[in-house]
């Protein structure tokens, strides 16, 4: 295989995911991180927008930090399908040669990212929790050349028991996927404008294209925990699914939303969309109540950015107390009803 000319690759690109002609929140979050990385590299930020009749979304991308938007508008891209989207994004990379490409670790991104990275012969680091520009290797060695201005991609490894920092020094683009909620979007700049580039990758329908026969949309029965300002999160220590009624009552009293740990989902007590953690959702509410949650690193990775963490656990040695701002050692099933009653009493007296 011919060696890549790395000097040809410039700029920080993000895949601007849209569904039903509406930008996904992750697109704006990735732009926030892309602006940081681009500043460190003295380069610009480009959003890649794939879909059909989606040009009006370019204004929103500009407001949230895109200097340029590459638009690929084609009827074949109306709904997400692996092959045409892979063809389109890989063609953009081959034509415009970005140094970095960030993709959201959504259902779409987890499917698209690895396909594209294989198509353009580069690596991909999945589920990154931190991205920064720096030197690689991290520890200088006489046996290995130190390369500057590399994308250092940090992610949990070995089931979340350690943290790995990964680089892709010899191939471009450097690709990473990031879960929703990990990075923060910038405050919108109302009068911002982006250079719009329309690109035609030459999509031709072939036998590899999946044909969509029907789209069935199921309305979610649960609130999106990533939007909640207050989360009351229960773990295995809640004891059984019936005891979650105590958490429900407390959450209702304080205007919060109930979420849970992986153990609760694995036990079948709560649906997966309420799970916080490395294999669930990353959340950053104003207040996070950890009720009967031991605080395994996999769970903490999904909630440690919360502004205030309050833990209630019988076990005074539980790791959750290491990250909690306030901790109560005791039986949450006795403490929570008293808290709920006190909150309701205070509300009644207002």
C-alpha atoms as a PDB file:
ATOM      1  CA  UNK A   1       0.000   0.000   0.000  1.00  0.00           C
ATOM      2  CA  UNK A   2       1.285   3.513  -0.827  1.00  0.00           C
ATOM      3  CA  UNK A   3       2.271   5.573   2.212  1.00  0.00           C
ATOM      4  CA  UNK A   4       0.005   8.548   2.892  1.00  0.00           C
ATOM      5  CA  UNK A   5       1.372  12.042   2.408  1.00  0.00           C
ATOM      6  CA  UNK A   6       0.286  13.345   5.800  1.00  0.00           C
ATOM      7  CA  UNK A   7       1.102  16.963   4.884  1.00  0.00           C
ATOM      8  CA  UNK A   8      -1.839  16.975   2.444  1.00  0.00           C
ATOM      9  CA  UNK A   9      -4.340  16.505   5.277  1.00  0.00           C
ATOM     10  CA  UNK A  10      -5.544  19.721   6.943  1.00  0.00           C
ATOM     11  CA  UNK A  11      -8.509  20.845   9.031  1.00  0.00           C
ATOM     12  CA  UNK A  12     -10.828  19.414  11.678  1.00  0.00           C
ATOM     13  CA  UNK A  13     -14.012  17.863  10.238  1.00  0.00           C
ATOM     14  CA  UNK A  14     -17.110  16.603  12.023  1.00  0.00           C
ATOM     15  CA  UNK A  15     -19.912  14.429  10.685  1.00  0.00           C
ATOM     16  CA  UNK A  16     -23.027  16.570  11.228  1.00  0.00           C
ATOM     17  CA  UNK A  17     -25.661  13.920  11.874  1.00  0.00           C
ATOM     18  CA  UNK A  18     -29.228  14.855  10.961  1.00  0.00           C
ATOM     19  CA  UNK A  19     -32.372  12.749  11.182  1.00  0.00           C
ATOM     20  CA  UNK A  20     -35.607  13.823   9.482  1.00  0.00           C
ATOM     21  CA  UNK A  21     -33.885  17.088   8.430  1.00  0.00           C
ATOM     22  CA  UNK A  22     -33.162  18.025  12.049  1.00  0.00           C
ATOM     23  CA  UNK A  23     -29.626  18.223  13.390  1.00  0.00           C
ATOM     24  CA  UNK A  24     -28.821  15.793  16.195  1.00  0.00           C
ATOM     25  CA  UNK A  25     -27.442  17.395  19.371  1.00  0.00           C
ATOM     26  CA  UNK A  26     -24.194  15.453  18.994  1.00  0.00           C
ATOM     27  CA  UNK A  27     -23.362  17.442  15.826  1.00  0.00           C
ATOM     28  CA  UNK A  28     -23.303  20.680  17.820  1.00  0.00           C
ATOM     29  CA  UNK A  29     -21.341  19.084  20.674  1.00  0.00           C
ATOM     30  CA  UNK A  30     -18.687  17.840  18.234  1.00  0.00           C
ATOM     31  CA  UNK A  31     -18.394  21.339  16.759  1.00  0.00           C
ATOM     32  CA  UNK A  32     -17.567  22.671  20.242  1.00  0.00           C
ATOM     33  CA  UNK A  33     -14.683  20.222  20.626  1.00  0.00           C
ATOM     34  CA  UNK A  34     -13.602  20.692  16.983  1.00  0.00           C
ATOM     35  CA  UNK A  35     -13.169  24.446  17.603  1.00  0.00           C
ATOM     36  CA  UNK A  36     -10.783  23.706  20.494  1.00  0.00           C
ATOM     37  CA  UNK A  37      -8.751  21.243  18.448  1.00  0.00           C
ATOM     38  CA  UNK A  38      -8.668  23.531  15.415  1.00  0.00           C
ATOM     39  CA  UNK A  39      -7.419  26.434  17.547  1.00  0.00           C
ATOM     40  CA  UNK A  40      -4.541  24.276  18.792  1.00  0.00           C
ATOM     41  CA  UNK A  41      -3.660  23.394  15.193  1.00  0.00           C
ATOM     42  CA  UNK A  42      -4.247  26.912  13.757  1.00  0.00           C
ATOM     43  CA  UNK A  43      -6.750  25.502  11.277  1.00  0.00           C
ATOM     44  CA  UNK A  44     -10.505  25.667  10.649  1.00  0.00           C
ATOM     45  CA  UNK A  45     -13.609  23.579  11.336  1.00  0.00           C
ATOM     46  CA  UNK A  46     -15.689  21.902   8.637  1.00  0.00           C
ATOM     47  CA  UNK A  47     -19.047  20.172   9.156  1.00  0.00           C
ATOM     48  CA  UNK A  48     -20.000  17.446   6.679  1.00  0.00           C
ATOM     49  CA  UNK A  49     -23.769  17.407   6.159  1.00  0.00           C
ATOM     50  CA  UNK A  50     -25.304  14.438   4.324  1.00  0.00           C
ATOM     51  CA  UNK A  51     -29.001  14.113   3.460  1.00  0.00           C
ATOM     52  CA  UNK A  52     -31.678  15.348   1.089  1.00  0.00           C
ATOM     53  CA  UNK A  53     -33.006  18.919   1.047  1.00  0.00           C
ATOM     54  CA  UNK A  54     -30.979  19.760   4.112  1.00  0.00           C
ATOM     55  CA  UNK A  55     -29.227  22.990   3.066  1.00  0.00           C
ATOM     56  CA  UNK A  56     -31.177  25.101   5.567  1.00  0.00           C
ATOM     57  CA  UNK A  57     -29.327  23.292   8.382  1.00  0.00           C
ATOM     58  CA  UNK A  58     -26.068  24.988   7.374  1.00  0.00           C
ATOM     59  CA  UNK A  59     -27.046  28.185   9.220  1.00  0.00           C
ATOM     60  CA  UNK A  60     -27.347  26.350  12.541  1.00  0.00           C
ATOM     61  CA  UNK A  61     -23.985  24.643  11.985  1.00  0.00           C
ATOM     62  CA  UNK A  62     -22.406  28.058  11.353  1.00  0.00           C
ATOM     63  CA  UNK A  63     -23.883  29.462  14.579  1.00  0.00           C
ATOM     64  CA  UNK A  64     -22.352  26.603  16.572  1.00  0.00           C
ATOM     65  CA  UNK A  65     -18.834  26.922  15.194  1.00  0.00           C
ATOM     66  CA  UNK A  66     -18.521  25.588  11.633  1.00  0.00           C
ATOM     67  CA  UNK A  67     -16.265  27.722   9.406  1.00  0.00           C
ATOM     68  CA  UNK A  68     -17.223  25.622   6.380  1.00  0.00           C
ATOM     69  CA  UNK A  69     -20.036  23.190   5.630  1.00  0.00           C
ATOM     70  CA  UNK A  70     -19.677  20.537   2.944  1.00  0.00           C
ATOM     71  CA  UNK A  71     -23.188  19.620   1.801  1.00  0.00           C
ATOM     72  CA  UNK A  72     -23.913  16.362  -0.006  1.00  0.00           C
ATOM     73  CA  UNK A  73     -27.564  16.528  -1.048  1.00  0.00           C
ATOM     74  CA  UNK A  74     -28.977  13.467  -2.778  1.00  0.00           C
ATOM     75  CA  UNK A  75     -32.316  11.577  -2.653  1.00  0.00           C
ATOM     76  CA  UNK A  76     -30.337   8.410  -1.833  1.00  0.00           C
ATOM     77  CA  UNK A  77     -29.284  10.048   1.456  1.00  0.00           C
ATOM     78  CA  UNK A  78     -32.791  10.954   2.667  1.00  0.00           C
ATOM     79  CA  UNK A  79     -32.787   8.171   5.269  1.00  0.00           C
ATOM     80  CA  UNK A  80     -29.643   6.724   6.790  1.00  0.00           C
ATOM     81  CA  UNK A  81     -28.384   3.632   5.004  1.00  0.00           C
ATOM     82  CA  UNK A  82     -24.899   2.248   5.485  1.00  0.00           C
ATOM     83  CA  UNK A  83     -23.661   2.015   1.917  1.00  0.00           C
ATOM     84  CA  UNK A  84     -24.634   5.376   0.374  1.00  0.00           C
ATOM     85  CA  UNK A  85     -23.604   7.264   3.528  1.00  0.00           C
ATOM     86  CA  UNK A  86     -20.260   5.424   3.622  1.00  0.00           C
ATOM     87  CA  UNK A  87     -19.675   6.188  -0.061  1.00  0.00           C
ATOM     88  CA  UNK A  88     -20.536   9.868   0.449  1.00  0.00           C
ATOM     89  CA  UNK A  89     -18.429  10.464   3.586  1.00  0.00           C
ATOM     90  CA  UNK A  90     -15.439   8.456   2.301  1.00  0.00           C
ATOM     91  CA  UNK A  91     -15.582  10.448  -0.954  1.00  0.00           C
ATOM     92  CA  UNK A  92     -15.548  13.730   1.007  1.00  0.00           C
ATOM     93  CA  UNK A  93     -12.444  12.541   2.900  1.00  0.00           C
ATOM     94  CA  UNK A  94     -10.663  11.514  -0.289  1.00  0.00           C
ATOM     95  CA  UNK A  95     -11.505  14.843  -1.951  1.00  0.00           C
ATOM     96  CA  UNK A  96     -10.929  17.313   0.921  1.00  0.00           C
ATOM     97  CA  UNK A  97      -8.372  15.404   3.032  1.00  0.00           C
ATOM     98  CA  UNK A  98      -9.156  16.345   6.672  1.00  0.00           C
ATOM     99  CA  UNK A  99      -6.512  15.879   9.347  1.00  0.00           C
ATOM    100  CA  UNK A 100      -9.152  14.928  11.947  1.00  0.00           C
ATOM    101  CA  UNK A 101     -12.698  13.583  11.593  1.00  0.00           C
ATOM    102  CA  UNK A 102     -15.044  13.321  14.592  1.00  0.00           C
ATOM    103  CA  UNK A 103     -18.218  11.232  14.482  1.00  0.00           C
ATOM    104  CA  UNK A 104     -20.925  10.865  17.131  1.00  0.00           C
ATOM    105  CA  UNK A 105     -21.121   7.434  18.784  1.00  0.00           C
ATOM    106  CA  UNK A 106     -24.841   7.194  18.059  1.00  0.00           C
ATOM    107  CA  UNK A 107     -26.529   4.201  16.427  1.00  0.00           C
ATOM    108  CA  UNK A 108     -25.762   5.851  13.067  1.00  0.00           C
ATOM    109  CA  UNK A 109     -22.196   6.865  13.949  1.00  0.00           C
ATOM    110  CA  UNK A 110     -21.255   3.465  15.356  1.00  0.00           C
ATOM    111  CA  UNK A 111     -22.294   1.931  12.046  1.00  0.00           C
ATOM    112  CA  UNK A 112     -20.847   4.614   9.764  1.00  0.00           C
ATOM    113  CA  UNK A 113     -17.516   5.434  11.460  1.00  0.00           C
ATOM    114  CA  UNK A 114     -15.824   2.017  11.231  1.00  0.00           C
ATOM    115  CA  UNK A 115     -16.998   1.519   7.629  1.00  0.00           C
ATOM    116  CA  UNK A 116     -15.582   4.867   6.562  1.00  0.00           C
ATOM    117  CA  UNK A 117     -12.280   4.385   8.411  1.00  0.00           C
ATOM    118  CA  UNK A 118     -11.783   1.031   6.676  1.00  0.00           C
ATOM    119  CA  UNK A 119     -12.711   2.542   3.294  1.00  0.00           C
ATOM    120  CA  UNK A 120     -10.076   5.297   3.602  1.00  0.00           C
ATOM    121  CA  UNK A 121      -7.457   3.061   5.294  1.00  0.00           C
ATOM    122  CA  UNK A 122      -7.117   4.769   8.649  1.00  0.00           C
ATOM    123  CA  UNK A 123      -7.747   3.914  12.302  1.00  0.00           C
ATOM    124  CA  UNK A 124     -10.676   4.827  14.538  1.00  0.00           C
ATOM    125  CA  UNK A 125     -10.818   5.176  18.316  1.00  0.00           C
ATOM    126  CA  UNK A 126     -14.319   4.542  19.639  1.00  0.00           C
ATOM    127  CA  UNK A 127     -16.178   6.081  22.604  1.00  0.00           C
ATOM    128  CA  UNK A 128     -13.606   8.752  23.429  1.00  0.00           C
ATOM    129  CA  UNK A 129     -14.052  10.681  26.665  1.00  0.00           C
ATOM    130  CA  UNK A 130     -11.225  13.188  26.039  1.00  0.00           C
ATOM    131  CA  UNK A 131      -9.598  14.596  22.891  1.00  0.00           C
ATOM    132  CA  UNK A 132      -6.568  16.894  22.833  1.00  0.00           C
ATOM    133  CA  UNK A 133      -3.611  17.863  20.664  1.00  0.00           C
ATOM    134  CA  UNK A 134      -0.171  16.801  21.874  1.00  0.00           C
ATOM    135  CA  UNK A 135       2.989  14.780  21.326  1.00  0.00           C
ATOM    136  CA  UNK A 136       3.089  11.044  20.665  1.00  0.00           C
ATOM    137  CA  UNK A 137       4.407   8.836  22.150  1.00  0.00           C
ATOM    138  CA  UNK A 138       3.372  10.299  25.495  1.00  0.00           C
ATOM    139  CA  UNK A 139       6.702   9.267  27.040  1.00  0.00           C
ATOM    140  CA  UNK A 140       9.601  10.295  24.763  1.00  0.00           C
ATOM    141  CA  UNK A 141      11.829   7.425  23.687  1.00  0.00           C
ATOM    142  CA  UNK A 142      15.155   7.378  21.859  1.00  0.00           C
ATOM    143  CA  UNK A 143      13.915   4.354  19.946  1.00  0.00           C
ATOM    144  CA  UNK A 144      10.896   6.153  18.513  1.00  0.00           C
ATOM    145  CA  UNK A 145      10.452   9.493  16.802  1.00  0.00           C
ATOM    146  CA  UNK A 146       8.282  11.963  18.735  1.00  0.00           C
ATOM    147  CA  UNK A 147       5.498  13.317  16.523  1.00  0.00           C
ATOM    148  CA  UNK A 148       3.940  16.672  17.369  1.00  0.00           C
ATOM    149  CA  UNK A 149       0.366  17.961  16.928  1.00  0.00           C
ATOM    150  CA  UNK A 150      -1.184  14.515  17.121  1.00  0.00           C
ATOM    151  CA  UNK A 151      -4.785  13.877  18.145  1.00  0.00           C
ATOM    152  CA  UNK A 152      -4.551  12.129  21.515  1.00  0.00           C
ATOM    153  CA  UNK A 153      -7.739  10.111  21.988  1.00  0.00           C
ATOM    154  CA  UNK A 154      -8.564   8.924  25.501  1.00  0.00           C
ATOM    155  CA  UNK A 155     -11.112   6.213  26.223  1.00  0.00           C
ATOM    156  CA  UNK A 156     -11.936   3.634  28.899  1.00  0.00           C
ATOM    157  CA  UNK A 157     -10.336   0.242  28.187  1.00  0.00           C
ATOM    158  CA  UNK A 158     -10.559  -3.300  29.544  1.00  0.00           C
ATOM    159  CA  UNK A 159     -14.151  -2.928  30.670  1.00  0.00           C
ATOM    160  CA  UNK A 160     -13.540   0.513  32.114  1.00  0.00           C
ATOM    161  CA  UNK A 161     -10.855  -0.687  34.529  1.00  0.00           C
ATOM    162  CA  UNK A 162      -8.203   1.530  32.992  1.00  0.00           C
ATOM    163  CA  UNK A 163      -7.931   4.552  30.717  1.00  0.00           C
ATOM    164  CA  UNK A 164      -6.064   4.322  27.395  1.00  0.00           C
ATOM    165  CA  UNK A 165      -4.719   7.193  25.305  1.00  0.00           C
ATOM    166  CA  UNK A 166      -4.494   6.283  21.640  1.00  0.00           C
ATOM    167  CA  UNK A 167      -2.989   8.059  18.622  1.00  0.00           C
ATOM    168  CA  UNK A 168      -2.978   7.428  14.889  1.00  0.00           C
ATOM    169  CA  UNK A 169       0.412   8.895  13.897  1.00  0.00           C
ATOM    170  CA  UNK A 170       0.922   7.327  10.468  1.00  0.00           C
ATOM    171  CA  UNK A 171      -2.509   7.566   8.814  1.00  0.00           C
ATOM    172  CA  UNK A 172      -5.042  10.283   8.101  1.00  0.00           C
ATOM    173  CA  UNK A 173      -7.608  11.338   8.969  1.00  0.00           C
ATOM    174  CA  UNK A 174      -7.317  10.686  12.689  1.00  0.00           C
ATOM    175  CA  UNK A 175     -10.830   9.435  13.472  1.00  0.00           C
ATOM    176  CA  UNK A 176     -12.691   9.248  16.769  1.00  0.00           C
ATOM    177  CA  UNK A 177     -16.253   8.626  17.861  1.00  0.00           C
ATOM    178  CA  UNK A 178     -17.648  10.473  20.878  1.00  0.00           C
ATOM    179  CA  UNK A 179     -20.803   9.643  22.812  1.00  0.00           C
ATOM    180  CA  UNK A 180     -23.554  12.248  23.133  1.00  0.00           C
ATOM    181  CA  UNK A 181     -23.242  14.320  26.307  1.00  0.00           C
ATOM    182  CA  UNK A 182     -19.455  14.036  26.656  1.00  0.00           C
ATOM    183  CA  UNK A 183     -18.437  17.234  24.836  1.00  0.00           C
ATOM    184  CA  UNK A 184     -20.087  20.635  25.252  1.00  0.00           C
ATOM    185  CA  UNK A 185     -21.449  22.831  22.485  1.00  0.00           C
ATOM    186  CA  UNK A 186     -20.507  26.503  22.422  1.00  0.00           C
ATOM    187  CA  UNK A 187     -22.947  29.348  22.997  1.00  0.00           C
ATOM    188  CA  UNK A 188     -24.418  30.089  19.553  1.00  0.00           C
ATOM    189  CA  UNK A 189     -23.005  33.044  17.595  1.00  0.00           C
ATOM    190  CA  UNK A 190     -26.085  34.544  15.966  1.00  0.00           C
ATOM    191  CA  UNK A 191     -24.452  36.390  13.061  1.00  0.00           C
ATOM    192  CA  UNK A 192     -21.909  33.677  12.208  1.00  0.00           C
ATOM    193  CA  UNK A 193     -21.617  32.621   8.567  1.00  0.00           C
ATOM    194  CA  UNK A 194     -20.003  29.538   7.078  1.00  0.00           C
ATOM    195  CA  UNK A 195     -18.596  28.910   3.626  1.00  0.00           C
ATOM    196  CA  UNK A 196     -20.969  26.447   1.937  1.00  0.00           C
ATOM    197  CA  UNK A 197     -19.418  23.841  -0.372  1.00  0.00           C
ATOM    198  CA  UNK A 198     -21.755  21.625  -2.383  1.00  0.00           C
ATOM    199  CA  UNK A 199     -20.173  18.299  -3.322  1.00  0.00           C
ATOM    200  CA  UNK A 200     -21.413  15.491  -5.517  1.00  0.00           C
ATOM    201  CA  UNK A 201     -19.747  12.151  -4.732  1.00  0.00           C
ATOM    202  CA  UNK A 202     -21.376  10.406  -7.733  1.00  0.00           C
ATOM    203  CA  UNK A 203     -23.821   8.159  -5.906  1.00  0.00           C
ATOM    204  CA  UNK A 204     -25.095   5.367  -8.109  1.00  0.00           C
ATOM    205  CA  UNK A 205     -27.698   2.946  -6.823  1.00  0.00           C
ATOM    206  CA  UNK A 206     -26.321  -0.580  -6.866  1.00  0.00           C
ATOM    207  CA  UNK A 207     -27.131  -3.999  -5.469  1.00  0.00           C
ATOM    208  CA  UNK A 208     -25.390  -3.166  -2.163  1.00  0.00           C
ATOM    209  CA  UNK A 209     -27.975  -0.544  -1.271  1.00  0.00           C
ATOM    210  CA  UNK A 210     -30.536  -1.662   1.279  1.00  0.00           C
ATOM    211  CA  UNK A 211     -34.077  -0.874   0.227  1.00  0.00           C
ATOM    212  CA  UNK A 212     -36.183   0.652   2.996  1.00  0.00           C
ATOM    213  CA  UNK A 213     -39.673  -0.779   2.824  1.00  0.00           C
ATOM    214  CA  UNK A 214     -41.167   0.962   5.853  1.00  0.00           C
ATOM    215  CA  UNK A 215     -40.118   3.185   8.739  1.00  0.00           C
ATOM    216  CA  UNK A 216     -41.979   2.584  11.992  1.00  0.00           C
ATOM    217  CA  UNK A 217     -41.405   5.229  14.663  1.00  0.00           C
ATOM    218  CA  UNK A 218     -41.991   4.156  18.237  1.00  0.00           C
ATOM    219  CA  UNK A 219     -42.680   6.972  20.676  1.00  0.00           C
ATOM    220  CA  UNK A 220     -40.421   6.689  23.697  1.00  0.00           C
ATOM    221  CA  UNK A 221     -42.275   6.096  26.949  1.00  0.00           C
ATOM    222  CA  UNK A 222     -39.462   7.584  28.995  1.00  0.00           C
ATOM    223  CA  UNK A 223     -37.966  11.056  29.434  1.00  0.00           C
ATOM    224  CA  UNK A 224     -34.524  11.707  27.930  1.00  0.00           C
ATOM    225  CA  UNK A 225     -32.255  11.613  30.964  1.00  0.00           C
ATOM    226  CA  UNK A 226     -29.622  13.691  29.122  1.00  0.00           C
ATOM    227  CA  UNK A 227     -31.973  16.691  29.197  1.00  0.00           C
ATOM    228  CA  UNK A 228     -32.737  16.447  32.932  1.00  0.00           C
ATOM    229  CA  UNK A 229     -31.421  19.082  35.352  1.00  0.00           C
ATOM    230  CA  UNK A 230     -31.955  16.777  38.358  1.00  0.00           C
ATOM    231  CA  UNK A 231     -31.482  12.993  38.216  1.00  0.00           C
ATOM    232  CA  UNK A 232     -32.438  10.508  40.912  1.00  0.00           C
ATOM    233  CA  UNK A 233     -30.494   7.411  39.945  1.00  0.00           C
ATOM    234  CA  UNK A 234     -31.033   3.995  41.504  1.00  0.00           C
ATOM    235  CA  UNK A 235     -28.693   1.017  41.632  1.00  0.00           C
ATOM    236  CA  UNK A 236     -28.778  -2.577  42.786  1.00  0.00           C
ATOM    237  CA  UNK A 237     -29.007  -1.327  46.379  1.00  0.00           C
ATOM    238  CA  UNK A 238     -32.619  -0.237  45.730  1.00  0.00           C
ATOM    239  CA  UNK A 239     -33.397  -3.929  46.198  1.00  0.00           C
ATOM    240  CA  UNK A 240     -36.230  -4.615  43.753  1.00  0.00           C
ATOM    241  CA  UNK A 241     -38.256  -2.884  41.010  1.00  0.00           C
ATOM    242  CA  UNK A 242     -41.130  -2.103  43.394  1.00  0.00           C
ATOM    243  CA  UNK A 243     -38.818   0.002  45.568  1.00  0.00           C
ATOM    244  CA  UNK A 244     -38.256   2.376  42.637  1.00  0.00           C
ATOM    245  CA  UNK A 245     -41.636   3.854  43.599  1.00  0.00           C
ATOM    246  CA  UNK A 246     -39.764   5.529  46.482  1.00  0.00           C
ATOM    247  CA  UNK A 247     -37.350   7.110  43.969  1.00  0.00           C
ATOM    248  CA  UNK A 248     -40.275   8.114  41.734  1.00  0.00           C
ATOM    249  CA  UNK A 249     -41.954   9.926  44.650  1.00  0.00           C
ATOM    250  CA  UNK A 250     -38.743  11.742  45.599  1.00  0.00           C
ATOM    251  CA  UNK A 251     -38.045  12.728  41.963  1.00  0.00           C
ATOM    252  CA  UNK A 252     -41.592  14.075  41.625  1.00  0.00           C
ATOM    253  CA  UNK A 253     -41.198  16.142  44.797  1.00  0.00           C
ATOM    254  CA  UNK A 254     -37.956  17.804  43.665  1.00  0.00           C
ATOM    255  CA  UNK A 255     -38.786  18.084  39.947  1.00  0.00           C
ATOM    256  CA  UNK A 256     -36.282  15.419  38.927  1.00  0.00           C
ATOM    257  CA  UNK A 257     -36.147  12.430  36.587  1.00  0.00           C
ATOM    258  CA  UNK A 258     -35.395   8.830  37.574  1.00  0.00           C
ATOM    259  CA  UNK A 259     -32.410   7.078  35.986  1.00  0.00           C
ATOM    260  CA  UNK A 260     -30.483   3.937  36.915  1.00  0.00           C
ATOM    261  CA  UNK A 261     -27.275   1.922  36.797  1.00  0.00           C
ATOM    262  CA  UNK A 262     -26.448  -0.986  34.496  1.00  0.00           C
ATOM    263  CA  UNK A 263     -27.207  -3.540  37.218  1.00  0.00           C
ATOM    264  CA  UNK A 264     -30.814  -2.305  37.284  1.00  0.00           C
ATOM    265  CA  UNK A 265     -31.164  -2.644  33.509  1.00  0.00           C
ATOM    266  CA  UNK A 266     -29.492  -6.078  33.512  1.00  0.00           C
ATOM    267  CA  UNK A 267     -31.990  -7.192  36.160  1.00  0.00           C
ATOM    268  CA  UNK A 268     -34.870  -6.072  33.928  1.00  0.00           C
ATOM    269  CA  UNK A 269     -36.143  -3.475  36.413  1.00  0.00           C
ATOM    270  CA  UNK A 270     -35.781  -0.444  34.113  1.00  0.00           C
ATOM    271  CA  UNK A 271     -35.391   0.128  30.346  1.00  0.00           C
ATOM    272  CA  UNK A 272     -31.965   0.672  28.767  1.00  0.00           C
ATOM    273  CA  UNK A 273     -32.699   4.308  27.832  1.00  0.00           C
ATOM    274  CA  UNK A 274     -32.615   5.216  31.551  1.00  0.00           C
ATOM    275  CA  UNK A 275     -29.126   3.751  32.076  1.00  0.00           C
ATOM    276  CA  UNK A 276     -26.258   6.038  33.073  1.00  0.00           C
ATOM    277  CA  UNK A 277     -22.682   4.913  32.512  1.00  0.00           C
ATOM    278  CA  UNK A 278     -20.061   3.776  30.055  1.00  0.00           C
ATOM    279  CA  UNK A 279     -22.489   1.419  28.297  1.00  0.00           C
ATOM    280  CA  UNK A 280     -25.462   3.728  28.873  1.00  0.00           C
ATOM    281  CA  UNK A 281     -25.740   7.507  28.569  1.00  0.00           C
ATOM    282  CA  UNK A 282     -23.366  10.232  29.669  1.00  0.00           C
ATOM    283  CA  UNK A 283     -25.212  12.846  31.741  1.00  0.00           C
ATOM    284  CA  UNK A 284     -24.241  16.159  33.332  1.00  0.00           C
ATOM    285  CA  UNK A 285     -27.245  17.391  35.372  1.00  0.00           C
ATOM    286  CA  UNK A 286     -27.096  20.164  37.944  1.00  0.00           C
ATOM    287  CA  UNK A 287     -27.761  17.610  40.700  1.00  0.00           C
ATOM    288  CA  UNK A 288     -27.218  13.828  40.573  1.00  0.00           C
ATOM    289  CA  UNK A 289     -28.556  11.614  43.365  1.00  0.00           C
ATOM    290  CA  UNK A 290     -26.842   8.203  43.460  1.00  0.00           C
ATOM    291  CA  UNK A 291     -29.147   5.917  45.437  1.00  0.00           C
ATOM    292  CA  UNK A 292     -27.805   2.468  46.294  1.00  0.00           C
ATOM    293  CA  UNK A 293     -25.117   2.767  43.592  1.00  0.00           C
ATOM    294  CA  UNK A 294     -21.684   1.401  44.526  1.00  0.00           C
ATOM    295  CA  UNK A 295     -19.832   3.658  42.077  1.00  0.00           C
ATOM    296  CA  UNK A 296     -18.012   1.299  39.709  1.00  0.00           C
ATOM    297  CA  UNK A 297     -15.779   3.168  37.249  1.00  0.00           C
ATOM    298  CA  UNK A 298     -18.114   2.251  34.374  1.00  0.00           C
ATOM    299  CA  UNK A 299     -20.976   4.121  36.074  1.00  0.00           C
ATOM    300  CA  UNK A 300     -18.871   7.052  37.264  1.00  0.00           C
ATOM    301  CA  UNK A 301     -17.632   7.624  33.682  1.00  0.00           C
ATOM    302  CA  UNK A 302     -21.201   8.521  32.744  1.00  0.00           C
ATOM    303  CA  UNK A 303     -22.019  10.999  35.533  1.00  0.00           C
ATOM    304  CA  UNK A 304     -18.829  12.438  37.057  1.00  0.00           C
ATOM    305  CA  UNK A 305     -19.326  15.762  35.209  1.00  0.00           C
ATOM    306  CA  UNK A 306     -22.553  16.430  37.167  1.00  0.00           C
ATOM    307  CA  UNK A 307     -22.342  19.745  39.022  1.00  0.00           C
ATOM    308  CA  UNK A 308     -23.364  18.301  42.420  1.00  0.00           C
ATOM    309  CA  UNK A 309     -23.327  14.578  43.273  1.00  0.00           C
ATOM    310  CA  UNK A 310     -25.206  13.353  46.346  1.00  0.00           C
ATOM    311  CA  UNK A 311     -24.776   9.681  47.317  1.00  0.00           C
ATOM    312  CA  UNK A 312     -26.815   7.563  49.709  1.00  0.00           C
ATOM    313  CA  UNK A 313     -25.420   4.092  50.411  1.00  0.00           C
ATOM    314  CA  UNK A 314     -25.319   1.663  53.320  1.00  0.00           C
ATOM    315  CA  UNK A 315     -21.662   0.830  52.618  1.00  0.00           C
ATOM    316  CA  UNK A 316     -19.418   3.622  53.888  1.00  0.00           C
ATOM    317  CA  UNK A 317     -16.523   2.237  51.766  1.00  0.00           C
ATOM    318  CA  UNK A 318     -18.500   2.408  48.483  1.00  0.00           C
ATOM    319  CA  UNK A 319     -16.409   4.091  45.723  1.00  0.00           C
ATOM    320  CA  UNK A 320     -19.321   6.425  44.929  1.00  0.00           C
ATOM    321  CA  UNK A 321     -18.364   8.475  48.011  1.00  0.00           C
ATOM    322  CA  UNK A 322     -14.998   9.263  46.350  1.00  0.00           C
ATOM    323  CA  UNK A 323     -16.750  11.322  43.643  1.00  0.00           C
ATOM    324  CA  UNK A 324     -19.720  12.559  45.698  1.00  0.00           C
ATOM    325  CA  UNK A 325     -19.882  16.160  46.909  1.00  0.00           C
ATOM    326  CA  UNK A 326     -22.232  15.061  49.713  1.00  0.00           C
ATOM    327  CA  UNK A 327     -22.656  11.566  51.106  1.00  0.00           C
ATOM    328  CA  UNK A 328     -25.108   9.923  53.490  1.00  0.00           C
ATOM    329  CA  UNK A 329     -24.263   6.509  54.926  1.00  0.00           C
ATOM    330  CA  UNK A 330     -27.554   4.754  55.590  1.00  0.00           C
ATOM    331  CA  UNK A 331     -30.582   2.962  54.187  1.00  0.00           C
ATOM    332  CA  UNK A 332     -31.896   5.006  51.253  1.00  0.00           C
ATOM    333  CA  UNK A 333     -35.272   3.266  51.498  1.00  0.00           C
ATOM    334  CA  UNK A 334     -35.735   4.854  54.934  1.00  0.00           C
ATOM    335  CA  UNK A 335     -33.983   8.169  54.218  1.00  0.00           C
ATOM    336  CA  UNK A 336     -35.685   9.022  50.887  1.00  0.00           C
ATOM    337  CA  UNK A 337     -39.283   8.916  52.165  1.00  0.00           C
ATOM    338  CA  UNK A 338     -38.300  11.320  54.957  1.00  0.00           C
ATOM    339  CA  UNK A 339     -36.626  13.645  52.431  1.00  0.00           C
ATOM    340  CA  UNK A 340     -39.683  13.461  50.182  1.00  0.00           C
ATOM    341  CA  UNK A 341     -41.980  14.309  53.095  1.00  0.00           C
ATOM    342  CA  UNK A 342     -39.741  17.228  54.132  1.00  0.00           C
ATOM    343  CA  UNK A 343     -39.682  18.623  50.562  1.00  0.00           C
ATOM    344  CA  UNK A 344     -43.475  18.313  50.197  1.00  0.00           C
ATOM    345  CA  UNK A 345     -43.972  19.949  53.579  1.00  0.00           C
ATOM    346  CA  UNK A 346     -41.729  22.861  52.600  1.00  0.00           C
ATOM    347  CA  UNK A 347     -43.580  23.281  49.288  1.00  0.00           C
ATOM    348  CA  UNK A 348     -46.958  23.298  51.084  1.00  0.00           C
ATOM    349  CA  UNK A 349     -45.753  26.043  53.414  1.00  0.00           C
ATOM    350  CA  UNK A 350     -44.598  28.349  50.594  1.00  0.00           C
END
